[in-house]
């Protein structure tokens, strides 16, 4: 398992049961979407969920 995948999995196992369910649903929706919807989702998440200068990532510590 590479480091990036390990970090995602580490974050996943820290979620509660309901959060895990929501995450799996989000992944399923994303995988079933067409290219334009995936591109739009990537852009939105990159803008809204990017790292903050004063915050440390809970998953990887960066």
PDB file of N, CA and C in Angstrom:
ATOM      1  N   UNK A   1       0.853  -1.175   0.000  1.00  0.00           N
ATOM      2  CA  UNK A   1       0.000   0.000   0.000  1.00  0.00           C
ATOM      3  C   UNK A   1       0.896   1.234   0.000  1.00  0.00           C
ATOM      4  N   UNK A   2       0.643   2.157  -0.924  1.00  0.00           N
ATOM      5  CA  UNK A   2       1.468   3.363  -0.963  1.00  0.00           C
ATOM      6  C   UNK A   2       1.037   4.346   0.133  1.00  0.00           C
ATOM      7  N   UNK A   3       1.850   5.370   0.370  1.00  0.00           N
ATOM      8  CA  UNK A   3       1.611   6.315   1.462  1.00  0.00           C
ATOM      9  C   UNK A   3       0.293   7.062   1.318  1.00  0.00           C
ATOM     10  N   UNK A   4      -0.036   7.474   0.098  1.00  0.00           N
ATOM     11  CA  UNK A   4      -1.262   8.240  -0.110  1.00  0.00           C
ATOM     12  C   UNK A   4      -2.491   7.393   0.237  1.00  0.00           C
ATOM     13  N   UNK A   5      -2.499   6.160  -0.213  1.00  0.00           N
ATOM     14  CA  UNK A   5      -3.607   5.263   0.096  1.00  0.00           C
ATOM     15  C   UNK A   5      -3.663   4.965   1.595  1.00  0.00           C
ATOM     16  N   UNK A   6      -2.522   4.791   2.203  1.00  0.00           N
ATOM     17  CA  UNK A   6      -2.478   4.538   3.650  1.00  0.00           C
ATOM     18  C   UNK A   6      -3.050   5.719   4.425  1.00  0.00           C
ATOM     19  N   UNK A   7      -2.752   6.938   3.994  1.00  0.00           N
ATOM     20  CA  UNK A   7      -3.287   8.125   4.663  1.00  0.00           C
ATOM     21  C   UNK A   7      -4.799   8.199   4.543  1.00  0.00           C
ATOM     22  N   UNK A   8      -5.323   7.889   3.366  1.00  0.00           N
ATOM     23  CA  UNK A   8      -6.776   7.899   3.174  1.00  0.00           C
ATOM     24  C   UNK A   8      -7.418   6.842   4.063  1.00  0.00           C
ATOM     25  N   UNK A   9      -6.849   5.652   4.089  1.00  0.00           N
ATOM     26  CA  UNK A   9      -7.407   4.578   4.905  1.00  0.00           C
ATOM     27  C   UNK A   9      -7.332   4.928   6.388  1.00  0.00           C
ATOM     28  N   UNK A  10      -6.237   5.529   6.811  1.00  0.00           N
ATOM     29  CA  UNK A  10      -6.091   5.947   8.207  1.00  0.00           C
ATOM     30  C   UNK A  10      -7.207   6.927   8.571  1.00  0.00           C
ATOM     31  N   UNK A  11      -7.493   7.867   7.684  1.00  0.00           N
ATOM     32  CA  UNK A  11      -8.587   8.804   7.923  1.00  0.00           C
ATOM     33  C   UNK A  11      -9.931   8.103   7.974  1.00  0.00           C
ATOM     34  N   UNK A  12     -10.129   7.148   7.081  1.00  0.00           N
ATOM     35  CA  UNK A  12     -11.396   6.409   7.023  1.00  0.00           C
ATOM     36  C   UNK A  12     -11.655   5.654   8.325  1.00  0.00           C
ATOM     37  N   UNK A  13     -10.648   4.987   8.851  1.00  0.00           N
ATOM     38  CA  UNK A  13     -10.875   4.196  10.061  1.00  0.00           C
ATOM     39  C   UNK A  13     -11.083   5.075  11.294  1.00  0.00           C
ATOM     40  N   UNK A  14     -10.748   6.355  11.198  1.00  0.00           N
ATOM     41  CA  UNK A  14     -10.997   7.282  12.298  1.00  0.00           C
ATOM     42  C   UNK A  14     -12.437   7.799  12.295  1.00  0.00           C
ATOM     43  N   UNK A  15     -13.175   7.567  11.210  1.00  0.00           N
ATOM     44  CA  UNK A  15     -14.555   8.029  11.119  1.00  0.00           C
ATOM     45  C   UNK A  15     -15.478   7.162  11.958  1.00  0.00           C
ATOM     46  N   UNK A  16     -16.615   7.751  12.337  1.00  0.00           N
ATOM     47  CA  UNK A  16     -17.650   6.987  13.020  1.00  0.00           C
ATOM     48  C   UNK A  16     -18.431   6.162  12.009  1.00  0.00           C
ATOM     49  N   UNK A  17     -19.333   5.336  12.500  1.00  0.00           N
ATOM     50  CA  UNK A  17     -20.102   4.441  11.633  1.00  0.00           C
ATOM     51  C   UNK A  17     -20.906   5.223  10.600  1.00  0.00           C
ATOM     52  N   UNK A  18     -21.627   6.263  11.029  1.00  0.00           N
ATOM     53  CA  UNK A  18     -22.449   7.045  10.101  1.00  0.00           C
ATOM     54  C   UNK A  18     -21.572   7.788   9.093  1.00  0.00           C
ATOM     55  N   UNK A  19     -20.452   8.324   9.549  1.00  0.00           N
ATOM     56  CA  UNK A  19     -19.541   9.026   8.644  1.00  0.00           C
ATOM     57  C   UNK A  19     -18.971   8.076   7.596  1.00  0.00           C
ATOM     58  N   UNK A  20     -18.663   6.860   7.997  1.00  0.00           N
ATOM     59  CA  UNK A  20     -18.167   5.867   7.037  1.00  0.00           C
ATOM     60  C   UNK A  20     -19.222   5.566   5.985  1.00  0.00           C
ATOM     61  N   UNK A  21     -20.474   5.440   6.414  1.00  0.00           N
ATOM     62  CA  UNK A  21     -21.566   5.175   5.476  1.00  0.00           C
ATOM     63  C   UNK A  21     -21.687   6.322   4.471  1.00  0.00           C
ATOM     64  N   UNK A  22     -21.669   7.562   4.963  1.00  0.00           N
ATOM     65  CA  UNK A  22     -21.761   8.727   4.082  1.00  0.00           C
ATOM     66  C   UNK A  22     -20.580   8.773   3.114  1.00  0.00           C
ATOM     67  N   UNK A  23     -19.393   8.452   3.611  1.00  0.00           N
ATOM     68  CA  UNK A  23     -18.203   8.464   2.767  1.00  0.00           C
ATOM     69  C   UNK A  23     -18.322   7.444   1.640  1.00  0.00           C
ATOM     70  N   UNK A  24     -18.761   6.227   1.979  1.00  0.00           N
ATOM     71  CA  UNK A  24     -18.936   5.187   0.957  1.00  0.00           C
ATOM     72  C   UNK A  24     -19.966   5.613  -0.084  1.00  0.00           C
ATOM     73  N   UNK A  25     -21.043   6.276   0.357  1.00  0.00           N
ATOM     74  CA  UNK A  25     -22.054   6.765  -0.584  1.00  0.00           C
ATOM     75  C   UNK A  25     -21.469   7.828  -1.509  1.00  0.00           C
ATOM     76  N   UNK A  26     -20.643   8.720  -0.951  1.00  0.00           N
ATOM     77  CA  UNK A  26     -20.004   9.755  -1.769  1.00  0.00           C
ATOM     78  C   UNK A  26     -19.090   9.131  -2.814  1.00  0.00           C
ATOM     79  N   UNK A  27     -18.319   8.125  -2.420  1.00  0.00           N
ATOM     80  CA  UNK A  27     -17.420   7.442  -3.352  1.00  0.00           C
ATOM     81  C   UNK A  27     -18.227   6.784  -4.461  1.00  0.00           C
ATOM     82  N   UNK A  28     -19.311   6.125  -4.095  1.00  0.00           N
ATOM     83  CA  UNK A  28     -20.154   5.446  -5.077  1.00  0.00           C
ATOM     84  C   UNK A  28     -20.739   6.440  -6.080  1.00  0.00           C
ATOM     85  N   UNK A  29     -21.234   7.574  -5.574  1.00  0.00           N
ATOM     86  CA  UNK A  29     -21.781   8.608  -6.462  1.00  0.00           C
ATOM     87  C   UNK A  29     -20.698   9.158  -7.385  1.00  0.00           C
ATOM     88  N   UNK A  30     -19.523   9.402  -6.836  1.00  0.00           N
ATOM     89  CA  UNK A  30     -18.425   9.941  -7.636  1.00  0.00           C
ATOM     90  C   UNK A  30     -18.028   8.966  -8.736  1.00  0.00           C
ATOM     91  N   UNK A  31     -17.876   7.702  -8.394  1.00  0.00           N
ATOM     92  CA  UNK A  31     -17.462   6.699  -9.375  1.00  0.00           C
ATOM     93  C   UNK A  31     -18.503   6.515 -10.475  1.00  0.00           C
ATOM     94  N   UNK A  32     -19.768   6.740 -10.162  1.00  0.00           N
ATOM     95  CA  UNK A  32     -20.826   6.578 -11.150  1.00  0.00           C
ATOM     96  C   UNK A  32     -21.082   7.816 -11.996  1.00  0.00           C
ATOM     97  N   UNK A  33     -20.432   8.922 -11.659  1.00  0.00           N
ATOM     98  CA  UNK A  33     -20.663  10.180 -12.369  1.00  0.00           C
ATOM     99  C   UNK A  33     -19.898  10.221 -13.688  1.00  0.00           C
ATOM    100  N   UNK A  34     -20.360  11.081 -14.584  1.00  0.00           N
ATOM    101  CA  UNK A  34     -19.640  11.254 -15.844  1.00  0.00           C
ATOM    102  C   UNK A  34     -18.437  12.185 -15.631  1.00  0.00           C
ATOM    103  N   UNK A  35     -17.619  12.318 -16.668  1.00  0.00           N
ATOM    104  CA  UNK A  35     -16.364  13.062 -16.562  1.00  0.00           C
ATOM    105  C   UNK A  35     -16.578  14.497 -16.090  1.00  0.00           C
ATOM    106  N   UNK A  36     -17.571  15.187 -16.636  1.00  0.00           N
ATOM    107  CA  UNK A  36     -17.767  16.595 -16.279  1.00  0.00           C
ATOM    108  C   UNK A  36     -18.169  16.753 -14.817  1.00  0.00           C
ATOM    109  N   UNK A  37     -18.972  15.837 -14.307  1.00  0.00           N
ATOM    110  CA  UNK A  37     -19.366  15.889 -12.894  1.00  0.00           C
ATOM    111  C   UNK A  37     -18.168  15.601 -11.987  1.00  0.00           C
ATOM    112  N   UNK A  38     -17.310  14.666 -12.404  1.00  0.00           N
ATOM    113  CA  UNK A  38     -16.112  14.364 -11.616  1.00  0.00           C
ATOM    114  C   UNK A  38     -15.172  15.563 -11.596  1.00  0.00           C
ATOM    115  N   UNK A  39     -15.019  16.205 -12.747  1.00  0.00           N
ATOM    116  CA  UNK A  39     -14.150  17.379 -12.832  1.00  0.00           C
ATOM    117  C   UNK A  39     -14.678  18.491 -11.931  1.00  0.00           C
ATOM    118  N   UNK A  40     -15.983  18.714 -11.983  1.00  0.00           N
ATOM    119  CA  UNK A  40     -16.611  19.737 -11.151  1.00  0.00           C
ATOM    120  C   UNK A  40     -16.410  19.423  -9.664  1.00  0.00           C
ATOM    121  N   UNK A  41     -16.597  18.166  -9.281  1.00  0.00           N
ATOM    122  CA  UNK A  41     -16.416  17.770  -7.882  1.00  0.00           C
ATOM    123  C   UNK A  41     -14.977  18.001  -7.434  1.00  0.00           C
ATOM    124  N   UNK A  42     -14.013  17.647  -8.281  1.00  0.00           N
ATOM    125  CA  UNK A  42     -12.598  17.863  -7.932  1.00  0.00           C
ATOM    126  C   UNK A  42     -12.320  19.340  -7.691  1.00  0.00           C
ATOM    127  N   UNK A  43     -12.832  20.195  -8.581  1.00  0.00           N
ATOM    128  CA  UNK A  43     -12.596  21.635  -8.452  1.00  0.00           C
ATOM    129  C   UNK A  43     -13.215  22.182  -7.170  1.00  0.00           C
ATOM    130  N   UNK A  44     -14.436  21.758  -6.864  1.00  0.00           N
ATOM    131  CA  UNK A  44     -15.115  22.228  -5.655  1.00  0.00           C
ATOM    132  C   UNK A  44     -14.360  21.781  -4.409  1.00  0.00           C
ATOM    133  N   UNK A  45     -13.971  20.507  -4.360  1.00  0.00           N
ATOM    134  CA  UNK A  45     -13.268  20.006  -3.187  1.00  0.00           C
ATOM    135  C   UNK A  45     -11.889  20.629  -3.053  1.00  0.00           C
ATOM    136  N   UNK A  46     -11.201  20.863  -4.139  1.00  0.00           N
ATOM    137  CA  UNK A  46      -9.883  21.500  -4.060  1.00  0.00           C
ATOM    138  C   UNK A  46      -9.988  22.910  -3.507  1.00  0.00           C
ATOM    139  N   UNK A  47     -11.062  23.622  -3.860  1.00  0.00           N
ATOM    140  CA  UNK A  47     -11.248  24.985  -3.359  1.00  0.00           C
ATOM    141  C   UNK A  47     -11.713  24.992  -1.914  1.00  0.00           C
ATOM    142  N   UNK A  48     -12.686  24.149  -1.582  1.00  0.00           N
ATOM    143  CA  UNK A  48     -13.304  24.224  -0.261  1.00  0.00           C
ATOM    144  C   UNK A  48     -12.607  23.394   0.806  1.00  0.00           C
ATOM    145  N   UNK A  49     -11.882  22.359   0.424  1.00  0.00           N
ATOM    146  CA  UNK A  49     -11.284  21.471   1.415  1.00  0.00           C
ATOM    147  C   UNK A  49      -9.770  21.464   1.401  1.00  0.00           C
ATOM    148  N   UNK A  50      -9.174  22.403   0.714  1.00  0.00           N
ATOM    149  CA  UNK A  50      -7.722  22.470   0.694  1.00  0.00           C
ATOM    150  C   UNK A  50      -7.182  22.745   2.084  1.00  0.00           C
ATOM    151  N   UNK A  51      -5.917  22.455   2.314  1.00  0.00           N
ATOM    152  CA  UNK A  51      -5.343  22.648   3.650  1.00  0.00           C
ATOM    153  C   UNK A  51      -5.311  24.122   4.033  1.00  0.00           C
ATOM    154  N   UNK A  52      -5.555  24.394   5.287  1.00  0.00           N
ATOM    155  CA  UNK A  52      -5.471  25.754   5.802  1.00  0.00           C
ATOM    156  C   UNK A  52      -4.051  25.999   6.285  1.00  0.00           C
ATOM    157  N   UNK A  53      -3.607  27.222   6.174  1.00  0.00           N
ATOM    158  CA  UNK A  53      -2.234  27.553   6.549  1.00  0.00           C
ATOM    159  C   UNK A  53      -1.987  27.327   8.044  1.00  0.00           C
ATOM    160  N   UNK A  54      -3.026  27.481   8.866  1.00  0.00           N
ATOM    161  CA  UNK A  54      -2.836  27.372  10.309  1.00  0.00           C
ATOM    162  C   UNK A  54      -3.359  26.061  10.876  1.00  0.00           C
ATOM    163  N   UNK A  55      -3.672  25.108  10.029  1.00  0.00           N
ATOM    164  CA  UNK A  55      -4.246  23.852  10.487  1.00  0.00           C
ATOM    165  C   UNK A  55      -3.381  22.683  10.030  1.00  0.00           C
ATOM    166  N   UNK A  56      -3.397  21.628  10.794  1.00  0.00           N
ATOM    167  CA  UNK A  56      -2.639  20.424  10.469  1.00  0.00           C
ATOM    168  C   UNK A  56      -3.626  19.337  10.075  1.00  0.00           C
ATOM    169  N   UNK A  57      -3.321  18.620   9.018  1.00  0.00           N
ATOM    170  CA  UNK A  57      -4.171  17.526   8.567  1.00  0.00           C
ATOM    171  C   UNK A  57      -4.223  16.440   9.640  1.00  0.00           C
ATOM    172  N   UNK A  58      -5.438  16.014  10.001  1.00  0.00           N
ATOM    173  CA  UNK A  58      -5.602  14.982  11.023  1.00  0.00           C
ATOM    174  C   UNK A  58      -5.112  13.622  10.542  1.00  0.00           C
ATOM    175  N   UNK A  59      -5.103  13.418   9.224  1.00  0.00           N
ATOM    176  CA  UNK A  59      -4.699  12.119   8.682  1.00  0.00           C
ATOM    177  C   UNK A  59      -3.185  11.973   8.582  1.00  0.00           C
ATOM    178  N   UNK A  60      -2.540  12.967   7.965  1.00  0.00           N
ATOM    179  CA  UNK A  60      -1.116  12.797   7.665  1.00  0.00           C
ATOM    180  C   UNK A  60      -0.199  13.703   8.475  1.00  0.00           C
ATOM    181  N   UNK A  61      -0.764  14.672   9.203  1.00  0.00           N
ATOM    182  CA  UNK A  61       0.056  15.547  10.022  1.00  0.00           C
ATOM    183  C   UNK A  61       0.731  16.680   9.276  1.00  0.00           C
ATOM    184  N   UNK A  62       0.457  16.803   7.977  1.00  0.00           N
ATOM    185  CA  UNK A  62       1.080  17.876   7.190  1.00  0.00           C
ATOM    186  C   UNK A  62       0.300  19.163   7.332  1.00  0.00           C
TER     187      UNK A  62
END
